[in-house]
Amino acid sequence: MAEAMIVPFHEAVKAAIWREFELAKARFGNDWQLLCIEENWGDTLDDRHTLRMLRSLNRNGSCYSRMFCRRD
């Protein structure tokens, strides 16, 4: 297989992150959870943790596994 056809792992993860960001922005707009993830990506969150949090946000409506209290 030609070297040009191999996509490096980190590039595939970054593409998945951007795809999840676009889905979350379309669904949630400027939600505080999305803004927190975006601001901390590359600083306190590595690529894998960022992707995991974005997928959780898009799937469950929250990037946290449990809610301690809810404000409606």
N, C-alpha and C. Protein backbone atom coordinates (compact mmCIF):
# COMPACT_ATOMS: atom_id res chain seq x y z
N MET A 1 0.84 -1.17 0.00
CA MET A 1 0.00 0.00 0.00
C MET A 1 0.89 1.23 0.00
N ALA A 2 0.55 2.20 -0.79
CA ALA A 2 1.34 3.42 -0.89
C ALA A 2 1.27 4.20 0.42
N GLU A 3 2.36 4.86 0.75
CA GLU A 3 2.41 5.63 1.99
C GLU A 3 1.37 6.74 2.01
N ALA A 4 1.05 7.32 0.87
CA ALA A 4 0.08 8.41 0.80
C ALA A 4 -1.33 7.97 1.17
N MET A 5 -1.60 6.67 1.12
CA MET A 5 -2.94 6.18 1.41
C MET A 5 -3.15 5.89 2.89
N ILE A 6 -2.10 5.94 3.68
CA ILE A 6 -2.21 5.65 5.11
C ILE A 6 -2.47 6.96 5.85
N VAL A 7 -3.58 6.99 6.59
CA VAL A 7 -3.93 8.17 7.38
C VAL A 7 -3.38 7.97 8.79
N PRO A 8 -2.52 8.89 9.25
CA PRO A 8 -1.99 8.76 10.60
C PRO A 8 -3.12 8.77 11.63
N PHE A 9 -2.92 8.01 12.71
CA PHE A 9 -3.95 7.87 13.74
C PHE A 9 -4.38 9.22 14.30
N HIS A 10 -3.42 10.08 14.62
CA HIS A 10 -3.78 11.36 15.24
C HIS A 10 -4.59 12.24 14.28
N GLU A 11 -4.36 12.12 12.99
CA GLU A 11 -5.15 12.89 12.03
C GLU A 11 -6.58 12.37 11.96
N ALA A 12 -6.75 11.07 12.05
CA ALA A 12 -8.10 10.49 12.05
C ALA A 12 -8.87 10.91 13.30
N VAL A 13 -8.18 10.96 14.44
CA VAL A 13 -8.83 11.39 15.69
C VAL A 13 -9.22 12.86 15.59
N LYS A 14 -8.34 13.69 15.08
CA LYS A 14 -8.66 15.12 14.93
C LYS A 14 -9.84 15.33 13.99
N ALA A 15 -9.91 14.56 12.91
CA ALA A 15 -11.05 14.66 11.99
C ALA A 15 -12.34 14.25 12.69
N ALA A 16 -12.28 13.21 13.52
CA ALA A 16 -13.46 12.78 14.27
C ALA A 16 -13.87 13.84 15.29
N ILE A 17 -12.90 14.48 15.91
CA ILE A 17 -13.20 15.55 16.87
C ILE A 17 -13.92 16.70 16.18
N TRP A 18 -13.40 17.14 15.04
CA TRP A 18 -14.05 18.24 14.31
C TRP A 18 -15.45 17.87 13.86
N ARG A 19 -15.65 16.63 13.45
CA ARG A 19 -16.98 16.16 13.05
C ARG A 19 -17.95 16.20 14.24
N GLU A 20 -17.49 15.74 15.40
CA GLU A 20 -18.33 15.77 16.61
C GLU A 20 -18.59 17.21 17.06
N PHE A 21 -17.60 18.09 16.93
CA PHE A 21 -17.81 19.51 17.25
C PHE A 21 -18.91 20.10 16.38
N GLU A 22 -18.86 19.82 15.09
CA GLU A 22 -19.88 20.36 14.18
C GLU A 22 -21.27 19.85 14.52
N LEU A 23 -21.38 18.57 14.84
CA LEU A 23 -22.67 18.01 15.25
C LEU A 23 -23.18 18.67 16.53
N ALA A 24 -22.29 18.83 17.50
CA ALA A 24 -22.68 19.43 18.78
C ALA A 24 -23.06 20.90 18.61
N LYS A 25 -22.32 21.64 17.79
CA LYS A 25 -22.65 23.05 17.57
C LYS A 25 -24.00 23.20 16.89
N ALA A 26 -24.30 22.31 15.95
CA ALA A 26 -25.60 22.36 15.27
C ALA A 26 -26.73 22.03 16.24
N ARG A 27 -26.48 21.13 17.16
CA ARG A 27 -27.53 20.70 18.08
C ARG A 27 -27.66 21.60 19.30
N PHE A 28 -26.53 22.05 19.87
CA PHE A 28 -26.56 22.76 21.15
C PHE A 28 -26.18 24.23 21.07
N GLY A 29 -25.67 24.69 19.94
CA GLY A 29 -25.27 26.09 19.83
C GLY A 29 -24.09 26.39 20.74
N ASN A 30 -24.24 27.43 21.55
CA ASN A 30 -23.17 27.83 22.47
C ASN A 30 -23.42 27.32 23.89
N ASP A 31 -23.75 26.05 24.00
CA ASP A 31 -23.97 25.43 25.30
C ASP A 31 -22.69 25.50 26.13
N TRP A 32 -22.83 25.69 27.43
CA TRP A 32 -21.65 25.86 28.29
C TRP A 32 -20.76 24.62 28.28
N GLN A 33 -21.34 23.42 28.18
CA GLN A 33 -20.52 22.22 28.16
C GLN A 33 -19.65 22.16 26.91
N LEU A 34 -20.24 22.52 25.78
CA LEU A 34 -19.49 22.52 24.52
C LEU A 34 -18.38 23.57 24.57
N LEU A 35 -18.68 24.74 25.10
CA LEU A 35 -17.66 25.78 25.21
C LEU A 35 -16.53 25.36 26.13
N CYS A 36 -16.85 24.67 27.21
CA CYS A 36 -15.81 24.18 28.13
C CYS A 36 -14.90 23.16 27.45
N ILE A 37 -15.50 22.25 26.70
CA ILE A 37 -14.71 21.24 25.99
C ILE A 37 -13.80 21.93 24.97
N GLU A 38 -14.37 22.86 24.22
CA GLU A 38 -13.61 23.55 23.18
C GLU A 38 -12.45 24.34 23.76
N GLU A 39 -12.68 25.03 24.87
CA GLU A 39 -11.63 25.84 25.49
C GLU A 39 -10.51 25.00 26.11
N ASN A 40 -10.83 23.80 26.56
CA ASN A 40 -9.84 22.97 27.24
C ASN A 40 -9.15 21.96 26.34
N TRP A 41 -9.62 21.81 25.10
CA TRP A 41 -9.00 20.87 24.18
C TRP A 41 -7.58 21.31 23.88
N GLY A 42 -6.64 20.43 24.09
CA GLY A 42 -5.23 20.72 23.85
C GLY A 42 -4.55 21.35 25.05
N ASP A 43 -5.33 21.80 26.02
CA ASP A 43 -4.76 22.40 27.22
C ASP A 43 -4.81 21.38 28.36
N THR A 44 -6.00 21.12 28.87
CA THR A 44 -6.14 20.13 29.93
C THR A 44 -6.79 18.84 29.43
N LEU A 45 -7.32 18.85 28.22
CA LEU A 45 -7.93 17.65 27.62
C LEU A 45 -7.11 17.20 26.42
N ASP A 46 -6.71 15.94 26.41
CA ASP A 46 -6.03 15.42 25.22
C ASP A 46 -7.07 15.04 24.17
N ASP A 47 -6.62 14.62 23.00
CA ASP A 47 -7.53 14.33 21.89
C ASP A 47 -8.53 13.23 22.22
N ARG A 48 -8.07 12.17 22.83
CA ARG A 48 -8.97 11.04 23.13
C ARG A 48 -10.04 11.41 24.14
N HIS A 49 -9.66 12.15 25.18
CA HIS A 49 -10.62 12.57 26.19
C HIS A 49 -11.62 13.56 25.58
N THR A 50 -11.14 14.46 24.74
CA THR A 50 -12.02 15.41 24.07
C THR A 50 -13.03 14.69 23.20
N LEU A 51 -12.58 13.72 22.43
CA LEU A 51 -13.49 12.97 21.57
C LEU A 51 -14.51 12.20 22.39
N ARG A 52 -14.08 11.60 23.48
CA ARG A 52 -15.00 10.87 24.35
C ARG A 52 -16.07 11.80 24.94
N MET A 53 -15.68 12.99 25.37
CA MET A 53 -16.64 13.94 25.94
C MET A 53 -17.61 14.46 24.88
N LEU A 54 -17.11 14.73 23.68
CA LEU A 54 -17.99 15.20 22.61
C LEU A 54 -19.00 14.13 22.20
N ARG A 55 -18.56 12.90 22.12
CA ARG A 55 -19.48 11.81 21.77
C ARG A 55 -20.55 11.64 22.85
N SER A 56 -20.15 11.77 24.09
CA SER A 56 -21.11 11.68 25.19
C SER A 56 -22.11 12.83 25.13
N LEU A 57 -21.63 14.03 24.86
CA LEU A 57 -22.52 15.19 24.73
C LEU A 57 -23.52 14.99 23.60
N ASN A 58 -23.05 14.54 22.46
CA ASN A 58 -23.94 14.35 21.31
C ASN A 58 -24.92 13.20 21.54
N ARG A 59 -24.52 12.18 22.23
CA ARG A 59 -25.38 11.02 22.45
C ARG A 59 -26.37 11.24 23.59
N ASN A 60 -25.90 11.81 24.71
CA ASN A 60 -26.70 11.89 25.93
C ASN A 60 -27.21 13.29 26.27
N GLY A 61 -26.72 14.29 25.57
CA GLY A 61 -27.10 15.66 25.90
C GLY A 61 -26.27 16.24 27.03
N SER A 62 -25.28 15.48 27.50
CA SER A 62 -24.38 15.94 28.55
C SER A 62 -23.04 15.21 28.39
N CYS A 63 -21.97 15.90 28.71
CA CYS A 63 -20.66 15.26 28.62
C CYS A 63 -20.29 14.58 29.93
N TYR A 64 -21.18 14.66 30.90
CA TYR A 64 -20.94 14.03 32.20
C TYR A 64 -21.74 12.75 32.30
N SER A 65 -21.20 11.77 32.99
CA SER A 65 -21.87 10.48 33.09
C SER A 65 -23.04 10.52 34.06
N ARG A 66 -22.98 11.39 35.06
CA ARG A 66 -24.07 11.50 36.02
C ARG A 66 -24.35 12.97 36.30
N MET A 67 -25.61 13.26 36.58
CA MET A 67 -26.00 14.61 36.97
C MET A 67 -26.27 14.58 38.47
N PHE A 68 -25.67 15.48 39.21
CA PHE A 68 -25.90 15.53 40.65
C PHE A 68 -27.15 16.34 40.98
N CYS A 69 -27.40 17.35 40.22
CA CYS A 69 -28.62 18.13 40.38
C CYS A 69 -28.99 18.69 39.01
N ARG A 70 -30.22 19.06 38.88
CA ARG A 70 -30.68 19.55 37.59
C ARG A 70 -31.42 20.86 37.79
N ARG A 71 -31.13 21.82 36.96
CA ARG A 71 -31.79 23.11 37.02
C ARG A 71 -32.57 23.30 35.74
N ASP A 72 -33.87 23.32 35.83
CA ASP A 72 -34.72 23.51 34.64
C ASP A 72 -35.39 24.86 34.66
